[in-house]
Amino acid sequence: MSVVTVSLIQTATHWHAPARNREHFQRFFPQVPAASALLLMPEMFSTGFTLQPELVAESMQGPTASWLSEQARQQGRAIGGSAVMAEADRYFNRFLLALPDTSLVTYDKRHCFRMAGEHEHYASGNARPVWNVQQLRVRPSVCYDLRFPIWLRRRDDYDLLVCVANWPAVRLDAWRTLLKARAIENQSYVAGVNILGRDGNGVEYAGGSTVFGPDGRCLLDAQDREGVFSVELDLKLLTQYRHDFPAWQDADGFNVIDAEF
């Protein structure tokens, strides 16, 4: 089949409360359509966007990673979001994607948000993975990464760019604009997953989880509602669009000197 269903969970998170957040997100799982192959949660879904990783960080053998793997196995779908992970005396804002076979693939946020001091507490990643979910090739990114188009440039290697975020309400227009721009310039589906409410830092969030098509048309807009939001992504239509409007053939070549491709 050429159609892959993707689901997003938009909700508030509980501050520095991983067990409570796991339970909270799990309550939404029965609402996810059976056909959904990929379920996405926001950035730091288990803690909120924290600058105190030493208080909440887990290992890859910890309860949050184990919970993700078990939920993916039980549901028979890929499930992901970012969480605070500790490794070799460093902390990472790490996108975890659990696959139905219980394996975990990861992406460490490349661009730490310096305006909040994230770069002083977390190490940056340099790997640029693409993951296969059914027929869908998925490129992960986390929040501030969205502002850096070279890092996210499609090199004929992905069909869906995913950005999980804690993107503040005050900059919500930029969030939507950048998601749409990444879709148009990469001729790709783009899905952005954000949160609601006020976090422990007093920052307000207004949702805006959105999916755009390769021509920039909005396919899903959660606005400021809480819940599970799903969309069907048609890979045949994507291929046809790239064939009929092959702007990608005129893209400039480049290399990111410290990236792992």
Protein backbone atom coordinates (compact mmCIF):
# COMPACT_ATOMS: atom_id res chain seq x y z
CA MET A 1 0.00 0.00 0.00
CA SER A 2 1.20 3.51 -0.81
CA VAL A 3 -0.67 5.20 2.05
CA VAL A 4 0.85 5.39 5.55
CA THR A 5 -1.12 6.76 8.51
CA VAL A 6 0.75 8.96 10.99
CA SER A 7 -0.65 10.10 14.36
CA LEU A 8 0.38 12.96 16.67
CA ILE A 9 -0.43 13.43 20.36
CA GLN A 10 -0.83 17.04 21.44
CA THR A 11 -1.20 17.65 25.16
CA ALA A 12 0.44 19.30 28.16
CA THR A 13 3.21 17.55 30.07
CA HIS A 14 3.89 17.22 33.80
CA TRP A 15 7.05 18.91 35.05
CA HIS A 16 9.93 16.59 35.98
CA ALA A 17 7.57 13.63 36.37
CA PRO A 18 8.58 10.83 33.96
CA ALA A 19 6.34 8.13 35.45
CA ARG A 20 3.35 10.46 35.49
CA ASN A 21 3.99 11.51 31.88
CA ARG A 22 4.29 7.92 30.70
CA GLU A 23 0.93 7.19 32.29
CA HIS A 24 -0.51 10.41 30.86
CA PHE A 25 0.48 9.67 27.26
CA GLN A 26 -0.57 6.06 27.56
CA ARG A 27 -4.14 7.23 28.18
CA PHE A 28 -4.23 8.57 24.62
CA PHE A 29 -3.05 5.35 23.00
CA PRO A 30 -6.51 3.73 22.71
CA GLN A 31 -7.58 6.72 20.56
CA VAL A 32 -4.91 6.04 17.93
CA PRO A 33 -6.35 4.51 14.74
CA ALA A 34 -5.47 0.86 14.26
CA ALA A 35 -4.03 1.68 10.83
CA SER A 36 -1.52 4.19 12.22
CA ALA A 37 2.05 3.06 11.55
CA LEU A 38 3.78 5.92 13.34
CA LEU A 39 2.78 7.65 16.60
CA LEU A 40 4.61 10.81 17.62
CA MET A 41 4.90 12.56 20.98
CA PRO A 42 6.61 15.94 21.61
CA GLU A 43 10.08 16.98 22.70
CA MET A 44 11.05 15.91 26.23
CA PHE A 45 7.64 14.28 26.59
CA SER A 46 8.60 12.62 29.87
CA THR A 47 9.83 15.74 31.71
CA GLY A 48 9.02 19.00 29.95
CA PHE A 49 11.80 21.16 28.51
CA THR A 50 14.23 21.16 31.39
CA LEU A 51 17.67 22.68 31.91
CA GLN A 52 18.30 20.39 34.87
CA PRO A 53 19.05 17.10 33.13
CA GLU A 54 20.97 15.84 36.14
CA LEU A 55 17.65 15.59 38.02
CA VAL A 56 15.69 13.58 35.45
CA ALA A 57 18.05 11.95 32.92
CA GLU A 58 17.72 8.24 32.25
CA SER A 59 19.86 5.67 30.49
CA MET A 60 18.87 3.74 27.39
CA GLN A 61 18.12 0.86 29.74
CA GLY A 62 15.89 3.04 31.91
CA PRO A 63 12.12 3.04 32.37
CA THR A 64 11.18 5.49 29.60
CA ALA A 65 13.09 3.69 26.84
CA SER A 66 11.82 0.33 28.09
CA TRP A 67 8.25 1.64 28.20
CA LEU A 68 8.49 2.91 24.62
CA SER A 69 9.75 -0.44 23.38
CA GLU A 70 6.99 -2.35 25.17
CA GLN A 71 4.29 -0.01 23.89
CA ALA A 72 5.57 -0.32 20.32
CA ARG A 73 5.51 -4.10 20.65
CA GLN A 74 2.00 -4.17 22.09
CA GLN A 75 0.58 -1.74 19.55
CA GLY A 76 2.47 -3.03 16.54
CA ARG A 77 3.53 0.45 15.45
CA ALA A 78 6.52 2.78 15.72
CA ILE A 79 6.28 5.22 18.66
CA GLY A 80 8.60 8.13 19.34
CA GLY A 81 9.41 11.47 20.93
CA SER A 82 12.43 13.01 22.60
CA ALA A 83 13.57 12.48 26.19
CA VAL A 84 16.48 13.44 28.44
CA MET A 85 19.16 10.76 28.21
CA ALA A 86 22.51 10.37 29.95
CA GLU A 87 25.48 8.69 28.29
CA ALA A 88 29.20 8.74 29.08
CA ASP A 89 28.89 11.63 31.56
CA ARG A 90 26.97 13.78 29.05
CA TYR A 91 23.30 14.61 28.61
CA PHE A 92 21.38 14.50 25.35
CA ASN A 93 18.00 15.71 24.16
CA ARG A 94 17.45 12.43 22.34
CA PHE A 95 14.71 11.46 19.92
CA LEU A 96 13.82 7.83 20.63
CA LEU A 97 11.84 5.81 18.11
CA ALA A 98 10.72 2.38 19.24
CA LEU A 99 9.87 -0.07 16.46
CA PRO A 100 7.34 -2.90 16.70
CA ASP A 101 10.17 -5.45 17.06
CA THR A 102 11.14 -3.53 20.28
CA SER A 103 14.37 -2.17 18.77
CA LEU A 104 15.17 1.49 19.43
CA VAL A 105 16.70 3.95 16.99
CA THR A 106 17.87 7.38 18.13
CA TYR A 107 18.73 10.90 17.05
CA ASP A 108 20.48 13.44 19.30
CA LYS A 109 19.31 17.02 18.83
CA ARG A 110 21.83 18.83 16.68
CA HIS A 111 21.04 22.45 17.54
CA CYS A 112 20.72 23.23 21.24
CA PHE A 113 18.61 26.32 21.95
CA ARG A 114 21.21 28.81 23.14
CA MET A 115 18.66 31.52 24.01
CA ALA A 116 17.57 29.30 26.90
CA GLY A 117 21.08 28.01 27.61
CA GLU A 118 20.36 24.47 26.39
CA HIS A 119 23.86 24.27 24.90
CA GLU A 120 25.32 24.69 28.41
CA HIS A 121 23.59 21.55 29.68
CA TYR A 122 23.30 19.20 26.70
CA ALA A 123 25.72 17.83 24.13
CA SER A 124 24.85 18.15 20.44
CA GLY A 125 24.55 15.23 18.06
CA ASN A 126 26.11 15.01 14.61
CA ALA A 127 24.36 11.98 13.12
CA ARG A 128 21.74 12.44 10.43
CA PRO A 129 19.66 9.24 10.45
CA VAL A 130 16.73 8.28 8.26
CA TRP A 131 14.41 5.56 9.58
CA ASN A 132 12.09 3.22 7.72
CA VAL A 133 8.51 2.94 8.98
CA GLN A 134 6.66 0.67 6.59
CA GLN A 135 7.32 2.28 3.18
CA LEU A 136 7.89 5.70 4.75
CA ARG A 137 11.42 7.08 5.08
CA VAL A 138 11.45 9.30 8.17
CA ARG A 139 14.00 12.01 9.01
CA PRO A 140 13.90 13.10 12.70
CA SER A 141 14.56 16.56 14.10
CA VAL A 142 13.98 18.29 17.43
CA CYS A 143 12.55 21.79 17.94
CA TYR A 144 15.33 24.38 17.30
CA ASP A 145 16.69 22.16 14.49
CA LEU A 146 13.76 23.45 12.44
CA ARG A 147 15.48 26.82 11.97
CA PHE A 148 18.45 25.30 10.10
CA PRO A 149 17.47 24.29 6.55
CA ILE A 150 20.88 22.98 5.49
CA TRP A 151 20.83 20.43 8.31
CA LEU A 152 17.37 19.30 7.25
CA ARG A 153 17.89 19.40 3.49
CA ARG A 154 16.55 16.33 1.74
CA ARG A 155 19.17 14.48 -0.28
CA ASP A 156 16.70 12.17 -2.02
CA ASP A 157 16.66 10.18 1.22
CA TYR A 158 13.40 10.86 3.09
CA ASP A 159 9.65 11.24 2.60
CA LEU A 160 8.63 12.65 5.98
CA LEU A 161 10.50 15.18 8.10
CA VAL A 162 9.39 15.02 11.73
CA CYS A 163 9.99 17.81 14.24
CA VAL A 164 9.09 17.15 17.88
CA ALA A 165 9.09 20.33 19.93
CA ASN A 166 8.37 22.48 22.95
CA TRP A 167 7.84 25.61 20.82
CA PRO A 168 6.60 28.59 22.86
CA ALA A 169 3.31 30.31 22.05
CA VAL A 170 5.03 33.67 21.56
CA ARG A 171 6.80 32.28 18.47
CA LEU A 172 3.98 30.10 17.14
CA ASP A 173 3.82 31.95 13.81
CA ALA A 174 7.49 31.16 13.20
CA TRP A 175 6.81 27.49 14.01
CA ARG A 176 4.12 27.21 11.38
CA THR A 177 6.08 29.23 8.81
CA LEU A 178 9.23 27.14 9.21
CA LEU A 179 7.36 23.82 9.02
CA LYS A 180 5.70 24.94 5.80
CA ALA A 181 8.99 26.19 4.36
CA ARG A 182 10.77 22.90 5.10
CA ALA A 183 7.95 21.04 3.31
CA ILE A 184 8.10 23.22 0.20
CA GLU A 185 11.88 23.40 -0.16
CA ASN A 186 12.36 19.66 0.40
CA GLN A 187 9.25 18.56 -1.51
CA SER A 188 8.46 16.36 1.45
CA TYR A 189 5.75 15.74 4.00
CA VAL A 190 6.54 17.55 7.26
CA ALA A 191 4.96 16.83 10.67
CA GLY A 192 5.47 19.06 13.70
CA VAL A 193 4.38 17.94 17.19
CA ASN A 194 4.13 20.58 19.93
CA ILE A 195 2.71 20.79 23.46
CA LEU A 196 0.06 22.76 25.34
CA GLY A 197 -0.05 24.56 28.68
CA ARG A 198 2.58 26.15 30.91
CA ASP A 199 5.76 24.32 31.89
CA GLY A 200 7.84 24.47 35.06
CA ASN A 201 9.84 27.37 33.65
CA GLY A 202 6.65 29.40 33.29
CA VAL A 203 6.73 29.22 29.48
CA GLU A 204 3.36 29.13 27.69
CA TYR A 205 2.66 26.74 24.82
CA ALA A 206 -0.26 26.85 22.39
CA GLY A 207 0.06 23.63 20.42
CA GLY A 208 -0.10 24.10 16.67
CA SER A 209 0.86 20.52 15.83
CA THR A 210 0.65 20.47 12.05
CA VAL A 211 1.30 18.35 8.96
CA PHE A 212 2.15 19.91 5.59
CA GLY A 213 2.30 18.32 2.16
CA PRO A 214 5.20 18.73 -0.29
CA ASP A 215 3.48 21.65 -2.03
CA GLY A 216 2.97 23.48 1.26
CA ARG A 217 -0.70 22.66 1.70
CA CYS A 218 -1.81 22.05 5.28
CA LEU A 219 -3.05 18.48 5.72
CA LEU A 220 -3.66 18.60 9.47
CA ASP A 221 -3.82 21.39 12.04
CA ALA A 222 -4.47 20.55 15.69
CA GLN A 223 -4.58 24.26 16.62
CA ASP A 224 -4.85 24.49 20.43
CA ARG A 225 -6.82 21.29 20.96
CA GLU A 226 -5.74 18.34 23.07
CA GLY A 227 -5.90 14.85 21.65
CA VAL A 228 -4.74 12.41 18.99
CA PHE A 229 -4.59 13.75 15.43
CA SER A 230 -4.04 11.49 12.43
CA VAL A 231 -3.38 11.93 8.74
CA GLU A 232 -2.84 9.66 5.75
CA LEU A 233 0.34 10.29 3.75
CA ASP A 234 0.18 9.07 0.15
CA LEU A 235 3.60 8.11 -1.19
CA LYS A 236 2.34 7.72 -4.76
CA LEU A 237 1.12 11.31 -4.74
CA LEU A 238 4.46 12.40 -3.27
CA THR A 239 6.40 10.63 -6.01
CA GLN A 240 4.14 12.06 -8.69
CA TYR A 241 4.51 15.59 -7.33
CA ARG A 242 8.30 15.31 -7.35
CA HIS A 243 8.13 13.99 -10.92
CA ASP A 244 5.80 16.73 -12.17
CA PHE A 245 7.63 19.58 -10.42
CA PRO A 246 11.27 18.43 -10.17
CA ALA A 247 12.76 21.45 -8.42
CA TRP A 248 14.90 19.04 -6.40
CA GLN A 249 16.99 18.39 -9.52
CA ASP A 250 18.33 21.95 -9.35
CA ALA A 251 19.29 21.88 -5.66
CA ASP A 252 22.84 22.89 -4.78
CA GLY A 253 25.21 20.21 -3.57
CA PHE A 254 26.79 20.63 -0.14
CA ASN A 255 28.46 18.82 2.74
CA VAL A 256 28.12 19.43 6.49
CA ILE A 257 31.70 18.97 7.55
CA ASP A 258 31.14 17.38 10.97
CA ALA A 259 27.98 15.40 10.19
CA GLU A 260 27.58 11.66 9.96
CA PHE A 261 25.52 10.83 6.88
